[in-house]
N, C-alpha and C. Protein backbone atom coordinates (compact mmCIF):
# COMPACT_ATOMS: atom_id res chain seq x y z
N UNK A 1 -4.35 14.50 -78.71
CA UNK A 1 -3.62 13.43 -78.08
C UNK A 1 -3.93 12.08 -78.62
N UNK A 2 -2.98 11.27 -78.94
CA UNK A 2 -3.18 9.95 -79.46
C UNK A 2 -3.81 8.95 -78.46
N UNK A 3 -4.61 8.10 -79.07
CA UNK A 3 -5.29 7.03 -78.28
C UNK A 3 -4.20 6.07 -77.72
N UNK A 4 -4.42 5.63 -76.53
CA UNK A 4 -3.51 4.58 -75.97
C UNK A 4 -3.62 3.36 -76.80
N UNK A 5 -2.51 2.53 -76.82
CA UNK A 5 -2.61 1.25 -77.38
C UNK A 5 -3.21 0.30 -76.30
N UNK A 6 -3.92 -0.68 -76.81
CA UNK A 6 -4.54 -1.75 -75.90
C UNK A 6 -3.54 -2.94 -75.85
N UNK A 7 -3.22 -3.27 -74.63
CA UNK A 7 -2.35 -4.48 -74.52
C UNK A 7 -2.95 -5.40 -73.51
N UNK A 8 -3.24 -6.66 -73.84
CA UNK A 8 -3.70 -7.68 -72.90
C UNK A 8 -2.72 -7.80 -71.79
N UNK A 9 -3.13 -7.98 -70.57
CA UNK A 9 -2.19 -8.26 -69.45
C UNK A 9 -1.10 -9.27 -69.66
N UNK A 10 -1.57 -10.45 -70.25
CA UNK A 10 -0.52 -11.50 -70.44
C UNK A 10 0.46 -11.10 -71.56
N UNK A 11 0.13 -10.33 -72.43
CA UNK A 11 1.06 -9.90 -73.47
C UNK A 11 2.14 -9.02 -72.91
N UNK A 12 1.91 -8.44 -71.75
CA UNK A 12 3.11 -7.69 -71.14
C UNK A 12 4.13 -8.61 -70.76
N UNK A 13 3.79 -9.83 -70.35
CA UNK A 13 4.76 -10.86 -69.98
C UNK A 13 5.44 -11.47 -71.27
N UNK A 14 4.63 -11.70 -72.33
CA UNK A 14 5.15 -12.15 -73.57
C UNK A 14 6.23 -11.23 -74.18
N UNK A 15 6.04 -9.92 -74.03
CA UNK A 15 6.88 -8.96 -74.55
C UNK A 15 8.30 -9.03 -73.85
N UNK A 16 8.36 -9.55 -72.61
CA UNK A 16 9.64 -9.61 -71.85
C UNK A 16 10.60 -10.54 -72.46
N UNK A 17 10.16 -11.70 -73.00
CA UNK A 17 11.06 -12.69 -73.56
C UNK A 17 10.96 -12.95 -74.95
N UNK A 18 10.22 -12.18 -75.64
CA UNK A 18 9.92 -12.47 -77.11
C UNK A 18 11.28 -12.35 -77.87
N UNK A 19 11.36 -13.44 -78.77
CA UNK A 19 12.57 -13.45 -79.60
C UNK A 19 12.29 -13.78 -81.01
N UNK A 20 11.17 -13.49 -81.57
CA UNK A 20 10.87 -13.66 -83.04
C UNK A 20 10.02 -14.84 -83.40
N UNK A 21 9.47 -15.55 -82.45
CA UNK A 21 8.65 -16.65 -82.92
C UNK A 21 7.11 -16.25 -82.78
N UNK A 22 6.30 -16.88 -83.56
CA UNK A 22 4.83 -16.55 -83.45
C UNK A 22 4.09 -17.51 -84.30
N UNK A 23 2.76 -17.16 -84.38
CA UNK A 23 1.79 -18.10 -85.03
C UNK A 23 1.81 -17.91 -86.61
N UNK A 24 2.29 -16.78 -87.00
CA UNK A 24 2.32 -16.47 -88.45
C UNK A 24 3.30 -15.30 -88.72
N UNK A 25 3.64 -15.13 -89.92
CA UNK A 25 4.52 -13.96 -90.21
C UNK A 25 4.00 -12.72 -89.76
N UNK A 26 2.71 -12.45 -90.16
CA UNK A 26 2.16 -11.11 -89.77
C UNK A 26 2.02 -11.01 -88.34
N UNK A 27 1.78 -12.02 -87.52
CA UNK A 27 1.76 -11.91 -86.16
C UNK A 27 3.12 -11.59 -85.57
N UNK A 28 4.17 -12.20 -86.13
CA UNK A 28 5.56 -11.86 -85.61
C UNK A 28 5.88 -10.42 -86.01
N UNK A 29 5.53 -9.96 -87.22
CA UNK A 29 5.85 -8.53 -87.58
C UNK A 29 5.13 -7.56 -86.60
N UNK A 30 3.89 -7.81 -86.39
CA UNK A 30 3.06 -7.02 -85.48
C UNK A 30 3.63 -7.01 -84.04
N UNK A 31 3.99 -8.12 -83.49
CA UNK A 31 4.49 -8.21 -82.13
C UNK A 31 5.84 -7.50 -82.01
N UNK A 32 6.64 -7.67 -83.03
CA UNK A 32 7.96 -7.00 -83.01
C UNK A 32 7.85 -5.46 -83.06
N UNK A 33 6.80 -5.02 -83.87
CA UNK A 33 6.57 -3.57 -83.92
C UNK A 33 6.10 -3.05 -82.54
N UNK A 34 5.23 -3.77 -81.94
CA UNK A 34 4.70 -3.31 -80.67
C UNK A 34 5.74 -3.43 -79.56
N UNK A 35 6.58 -4.41 -79.61
CA UNK A 35 7.69 -4.46 -78.57
C UNK A 35 8.55 -3.31 -78.80
N UNK A 36 9.01 -3.08 -80.08
CA UNK A 36 9.94 -1.97 -80.31
C UNK A 36 9.26 -0.63 -79.96
N UNK A 37 8.03 -0.40 -80.23
CA UNK A 37 7.37 0.85 -79.91
C UNK A 37 7.36 1.03 -78.41
N UNK A 38 7.08 0.00 -77.57
CA UNK A 38 7.11 0.18 -76.12
C UNK A 38 8.44 0.51 -75.58
N UNK A 39 9.46 -0.02 -76.23
CA UNK A 39 10.80 0.19 -75.72
C UNK A 39 11.32 1.55 -76.19
N UNK A 40 11.08 1.93 -77.40
CA UNK A 40 11.59 3.20 -77.96
C UNK A 40 10.74 4.41 -77.53
N UNK A 41 9.46 4.20 -77.06
CA UNK A 41 8.60 5.22 -76.72
C UNK A 41 8.15 5.08 -75.27
N UNK A 42 8.97 5.21 -74.26
CA UNK A 42 8.71 4.98 -72.88
C UNK A 42 7.53 5.72 -72.36
N UNK A 43 7.20 6.84 -72.91
CA UNK A 43 5.97 7.63 -72.43
C UNK A 43 4.79 7.21 -73.23
N UNK A 44 4.80 6.25 -74.11
CA UNK A 44 3.67 5.84 -74.80
C UNK A 44 2.49 5.40 -73.84
N UNK A 45 1.32 5.83 -73.98
CA UNK A 45 0.18 5.46 -73.09
C UNK A 45 -0.33 4.16 -73.58
N UNK A 46 -0.47 3.17 -72.61
CA UNK A 46 -0.95 1.78 -72.86
C UNK A 46 -2.06 1.61 -71.93
N UNK A 47 -3.16 1.11 -72.52
CA UNK A 47 -4.23 0.58 -71.71
C UNK A 47 -4.21 -0.90 -71.58
N UNK A 48 -4.12 -1.34 -70.39
CA UNK A 48 -3.98 -2.77 -70.06
C UNK A 48 -5.42 -3.34 -69.92
N UNK A 49 -5.64 -4.38 -70.59
CA UNK A 49 -6.97 -5.03 -70.72
C UNK A 49 -7.03 -6.53 -70.56
N UNK A 50 -8.06 -7.11 -70.41
CA UNK A 50 -8.27 -8.49 -70.32
C UNK A 50 -9.23 -8.94 -71.47
N UNK A 51 -8.84 -8.45 -72.61
CA UNK A 51 -9.72 -8.69 -73.86
C UNK A 51 -8.82 -8.55 -75.04
N UNK A 52 -9.37 -8.80 -76.19
CA UNK A 52 -8.62 -8.66 -77.48
C UNK A 52 -7.93 -7.31 -77.54
N UNK A 53 -6.61 -7.36 -78.06
CA UNK A 53 -5.85 -6.23 -78.08
C UNK A 53 -5.16 -6.03 -79.42
N UNK A 54 -4.14 -5.15 -79.45
CA UNK A 54 -3.48 -4.91 -80.70
C UNK A 54 -2.61 -6.09 -81.17
N UNK A 55 -2.21 -6.90 -80.18
CA UNK A 55 -1.43 -8.09 -80.56
C UNK A 55 -2.28 -9.08 -81.21
N UNK A 56 -3.50 -9.25 -80.61
CA UNK A 56 -4.55 -10.23 -81.20
C UNK A 56 -4.91 -9.93 -82.61
N UNK A 57 -4.81 -8.62 -82.97
CA UNK A 57 -5.32 -8.14 -84.20
C UNK A 57 -4.73 -8.85 -85.38
N UNK A 58 -3.51 -9.39 -85.26
CA UNK A 58 -2.82 -10.14 -86.41
C UNK A 58 -2.73 -11.65 -86.06
N UNK A 59 -3.35 -12.18 -85.08
CA UNK A 59 -3.32 -13.61 -84.76
C UNK A 59 -4.21 -14.37 -85.72
N UNK A 60 -3.71 -15.47 -86.38
CA UNK A 60 -4.51 -16.29 -87.20
C UNK A 60 -5.61 -17.06 -86.61
N UNK A 61 -5.61 -17.15 -85.23
CA UNK A 61 -6.72 -17.78 -84.46
C UNK A 61 -7.85 -16.94 -84.01
N UNK A 62 -7.74 -15.64 -84.37
CA UNK A 62 -8.67 -14.54 -84.00
C UNK A 62 -9.89 -14.66 -84.90
N UNK A 63 -11.03 -14.61 -84.31
CA UNK A 63 -12.28 -14.52 -85.05
C UNK A 63 -13.25 -13.73 -84.25
N UNK A 64 -14.43 -13.39 -84.89
CA UNK A 64 -15.48 -12.61 -84.20
C UNK A 64 -15.83 -13.10 -82.88
N UNK A 65 -15.82 -14.45 -82.67
CA UNK A 65 -16.23 -14.99 -81.36
C UNK A 65 -15.05 -15.06 -80.39
N UNK A 66 -13.91 -14.58 -80.76
CA UNK A 66 -12.80 -14.60 -79.87
C UNK A 66 -11.71 -15.55 -80.29
N UNK A 67 -10.82 -15.95 -79.54
CA UNK A 67 -9.67 -16.79 -79.84
C UNK A 67 -10.20 -18.20 -80.06
N UNK A 68 -9.89 -18.77 -81.22
CA UNK A 68 -10.22 -20.11 -81.60
C UNK A 68 -9.11 -21.06 -81.66
N UNK A 69 -8.02 -20.80 -80.95
CA UNK A 69 -6.77 -21.66 -81.01
C UNK A 69 -7.19 -23.06 -80.60
N UNK A 70 -7.90 -23.19 -79.48
CA UNK A 70 -8.40 -24.49 -79.09
C UNK A 70 -9.81 -24.27 -78.36
N UNK A 71 -10.35 -25.28 -77.81
CA UNK A 71 -11.79 -25.17 -77.34
C UNK A 71 -12.02 -24.19 -76.20
N UNK A 72 -11.02 -24.19 -75.30
CA UNK A 72 -11.18 -23.31 -74.13
C UNK A 72 -10.23 -22.11 -74.12
N UNK A 73 -9.69 -21.80 -75.24
CA UNK A 73 -8.56 -20.73 -75.31
C UNK A 73 -9.06 -19.39 -74.74
N UNK A 74 -10.26 -18.94 -75.28
CA UNK A 74 -10.70 -17.63 -74.88
C UNK A 74 -10.82 -17.50 -73.33
N UNK A 75 -11.44 -18.51 -72.75
CA UNK A 75 -11.61 -18.58 -71.26
C UNK A 75 -10.24 -18.55 -70.57
N UNK A 76 -9.42 -19.49 -71.01
CA UNK A 76 -8.13 -19.57 -70.33
C UNK A 76 -7.23 -18.39 -70.46
N UNK A 77 -7.24 -17.67 -71.64
CA UNK A 77 -6.48 -16.55 -71.86
C UNK A 77 -7.04 -15.41 -70.96
N UNK A 78 -8.28 -15.27 -70.95
CA UNK A 78 -8.84 -14.22 -70.09
C UNK A 78 -8.57 -14.43 -68.61
N UNK A 79 -8.65 -15.71 -68.21
CA UNK A 79 -8.23 -16.01 -66.77
C UNK A 79 -6.82 -15.65 -66.49
N UNK A 80 -5.89 -15.97 -67.45
CA UNK A 80 -4.50 -15.57 -67.35
C UNK A 80 -4.36 -14.03 -67.24
N UNK A 81 -5.07 -13.36 -67.99
CA UNK A 81 -4.97 -11.87 -67.98
C UNK A 81 -5.42 -11.33 -66.64
N UNK A 82 -6.45 -11.80 -66.07
CA UNK A 82 -7.04 -11.51 -64.73
C UNK A 82 -6.05 -11.79 -63.65
N UNK A 83 -5.45 -12.89 -63.79
CA UNK A 83 -4.38 -13.25 -62.67
C UNK A 83 -3.15 -12.25 -62.70
N UNK A 84 -2.74 -11.89 -63.95
CA UNK A 84 -1.72 -10.90 -63.99
C UNK A 84 -2.13 -9.55 -63.60
N UNK A 85 -3.30 -9.08 -63.94
CA UNK A 85 -3.84 -7.83 -63.45
C UNK A 85 -3.85 -7.86 -61.92
N UNK A 86 -4.26 -8.85 -61.38
CA UNK A 86 -4.34 -8.99 -59.90
C UNK A 86 -2.93 -8.89 -59.25
N UNK A 87 -2.02 -9.57 -59.83
CA UNK A 87 -0.65 -9.58 -59.31
C UNK A 87 0.06 -8.27 -59.55
N UNK A 88 -0.35 -7.44 -60.54
CA UNK A 88 0.26 -6.16 -60.82
C UNK A 88 -0.53 -5.04 -60.12
N UNK A 89 -1.67 -5.45 -59.46
CA UNK A 89 -2.56 -4.48 -58.71
C UNK A 89 -3.11 -3.49 -59.69
N UNK A 90 -3.51 -3.95 -60.86
CA UNK A 90 -4.08 -3.09 -61.90
C UNK A 90 -5.56 -3.57 -62.16
N UNK A 91 -6.26 -2.75 -62.73
CA UNK A 91 -7.75 -3.11 -63.16
C UNK A 91 -7.81 -2.96 -64.65
N UNK A 92 -8.52 -3.99 -65.22
CA UNK A 92 -8.62 -3.89 -66.72
C UNK A 92 -9.16 -2.55 -67.17
N UNK A 93 -8.43 -1.92 -68.19
CA UNK A 93 -8.82 -0.63 -68.63
C UNK A 93 -8.04 0.53 -68.15
N UNK A 94 -7.11 0.18 -67.19
CA UNK A 94 -6.21 1.25 -66.65
C UNK A 94 -5.24 1.63 -67.65
N UNK A 95 -4.86 2.89 -67.60
CA UNK A 95 -3.76 3.39 -68.57
C UNK A 95 -2.58 3.76 -67.82
N UNK A 96 -1.43 3.37 -68.36
CA UNK A 96 -0.12 3.58 -67.84
C UNK A 96 0.84 3.86 -68.93
N UNK A 97 1.97 4.49 -68.55
CA UNK A 97 3.07 4.59 -69.53
C UNK A 97 3.77 3.36 -69.71
N UNK A 98 4.19 3.12 -70.98
CA UNK A 98 4.88 1.85 -71.37
C UNK A 98 6.01 1.55 -70.33
N UNK A 99 6.92 2.49 -70.06
CA UNK A 99 8.11 2.23 -69.26
C UNK A 99 7.67 1.85 -67.83
N UNK A 100 6.60 2.40 -67.34
CA UNK A 100 6.07 2.07 -65.96
C UNK A 100 5.54 0.60 -66.04
N UNK A 101 4.82 0.27 -66.99
CA UNK A 101 4.37 -1.13 -67.13
C UNK A 101 5.52 -2.14 -67.22
N UNK A 102 6.41 -1.91 -68.04
CA UNK A 102 7.54 -2.84 -68.14
C UNK A 102 8.36 -2.92 -66.81
N UNK A 103 8.53 -1.88 -66.19
CA UNK A 103 9.21 -1.86 -64.86
C UNK A 103 8.34 -2.59 -63.83
N UNK A 104 7.03 -2.34 -63.84
CA UNK A 104 6.23 -3.03 -62.91
C UNK A 104 6.27 -4.53 -63.10
N UNK A 105 6.17 -5.02 -64.29
CA UNK A 105 6.26 -6.46 -64.61
C UNK A 105 7.53 -6.98 -64.11
N UNK A 106 8.63 -6.37 -64.32
CA UNK A 106 9.91 -6.72 -63.90
C UNK A 106 10.06 -6.89 -62.39
N UNK A 107 9.42 -5.87 -61.73
CA UNK A 107 9.50 -5.82 -60.27
C UNK A 107 8.56 -6.80 -59.58
N UNK A 108 7.46 -7.14 -60.22
CA UNK A 108 6.51 -8.07 -59.65
C UNK A 108 6.79 -9.49 -59.84
N UNK A 109 7.23 -9.95 -61.04
CA UNK A 109 7.58 -11.23 -61.38
C UNK A 109 9.05 -11.45 -61.30
N UNK A 110 9.52 -11.99 -60.15
CA UNK A 110 10.94 -12.04 -59.90
C UNK A 110 11.40 -13.53 -59.77
N UNK A 111 10.43 -14.41 -59.51
CA UNK A 111 10.88 -15.82 -59.36
C UNK A 111 10.00 -16.73 -60.15
N UNK A 112 10.49 -18.00 -60.22
CA UNK A 112 9.73 -18.98 -61.08
C UNK A 112 8.29 -19.09 -60.46
N UNK A 113 8.23 -19.17 -59.14
CA UNK A 113 6.80 -19.31 -58.55
C UNK A 113 5.96 -18.15 -58.84
N UNK A 114 6.52 -17.03 -59.18
CA UNK A 114 5.66 -15.85 -59.53
C UNK A 114 5.05 -16.04 -60.85
N UNK A 115 5.67 -16.82 -61.75
CA UNK A 115 5.12 -17.02 -63.09
C UNK A 115 4.58 -18.42 -63.40
N UNK A 116 4.84 -19.34 -62.49
CA UNK A 116 4.56 -20.76 -62.81
C UNK A 116 3.14 -21.01 -63.18
N UNK A 117 2.17 -20.44 -62.36
CA UNK A 117 0.76 -20.70 -62.74
C UNK A 117 0.27 -19.93 -64.01
N UNK A 118 1.13 -18.97 -64.47
CA UNK A 118 0.71 -18.17 -65.57
C UNK A 118 1.42 -18.67 -66.86
N UNK A 119 2.64 -18.86 -66.89
CA UNK A 119 3.48 -19.22 -67.93
C UNK A 119 3.85 -20.68 -68.09
N UNK A 120 3.49 -21.48 -67.08
CA UNK A 120 4.02 -22.81 -67.02
C UNK A 120 3.51 -23.76 -68.04
N UNK A 121 2.38 -23.35 -68.68
CA UNK A 121 1.76 -24.21 -69.70
C UNK A 121 1.81 -23.58 -71.13
N UNK A 122 2.52 -22.50 -71.22
CA UNK A 122 2.60 -21.76 -72.46
C UNK A 122 3.38 -22.60 -73.53
N UNK A 123 2.88 -22.62 -74.79
CA UNK A 123 3.47 -23.29 -75.85
C UNK A 123 4.79 -22.67 -76.15
N UNK A 124 5.07 -21.46 -75.82
CA UNK A 124 6.34 -20.76 -76.12
C UNK A 124 7.34 -20.79 -75.03
N UNK A 125 7.09 -21.53 -73.91
CA UNK A 125 7.99 -21.57 -72.76
C UNK A 125 9.43 -21.93 -73.15
N UNK A 126 9.65 -22.82 -74.11
CA UNK A 126 11.01 -23.24 -74.52
C UNK A 126 11.71 -22.15 -75.30
N UNK A 127 10.92 -21.26 -75.97
CA UNK A 127 11.48 -20.17 -76.77
C UNK A 127 11.65 -18.85 -76.07
N UNK A 128 10.87 -18.66 -74.92
CA UNK A 128 10.83 -17.45 -74.24
C UNK A 128 12.10 -17.25 -73.38
N UNK A 129 12.81 -16.21 -73.69
CA UNK A 129 13.99 -16.02 -72.87
C UNK A 129 13.66 -15.54 -71.44
N UNK A 130 12.60 -14.79 -71.24
CA UNK A 130 12.20 -14.41 -69.95
C UNK A 130 11.83 -15.61 -69.09
N UNK A 131 11.07 -16.50 -69.64
CA UNK A 131 10.76 -17.80 -68.83
C UNK A 131 11.92 -18.58 -68.63
N UNK A 132 12.75 -18.78 -69.57
CA UNK A 132 14.06 -19.50 -69.32
C UNK A 132 14.92 -19.01 -68.26
N UNK A 133 14.93 -17.75 -68.09
CA UNK A 133 15.82 -17.11 -67.01
C UNK A 133 15.37 -17.65 -65.61
N UNK A 134 13.98 -17.77 -65.46
CA UNK A 134 13.41 -18.19 -64.26
C UNK A 134 13.75 -19.73 -64.02
N UNK A 135 13.83 -20.49 -65.02
CA UNK A 135 14.20 -21.91 -64.90
C UNK A 135 15.61 -21.98 -64.37
N UNK A 136 16.51 -21.13 -64.99
CA UNK A 136 17.88 -21.23 -64.64
C UNK A 136 18.09 -20.89 -63.19
N UNK A 137 17.34 -19.83 -62.67
CA UNK A 137 17.37 -19.37 -61.31
C UNK A 137 16.81 -20.40 -60.33
N UNK A 138 15.88 -21.20 -60.80
CA UNK A 138 15.14 -22.09 -59.91
C UNK A 138 15.93 -23.25 -59.45
């Protein structure tokens, strides 16, 4: 049996509205591959985590000490992951099928207030189709 892919909890939200932007070309290619894999392989086993994952593996800000995008990025990102895990009623390390995770995100995050404290300060908010749909509804 294949190992599950590790996905940070907040990346589950990023995958919802991703449309081709990223920190570098390799980051974009990797995220598109992961998104496509989760959509085309609904039974794919995914381990939801609050730590570095398969998406982070191609991030230019990644280093041995964690995310170095800015001074508090590692702490801020982990906090975001933990909030999402709590809202989804999941525990870091849990394994779920890709289709179930995507459905769970869609069922849990329905309004702007559901995502405001998580996505409201994201640098990609203007490019994220998922975030934008909540602004339109608001």
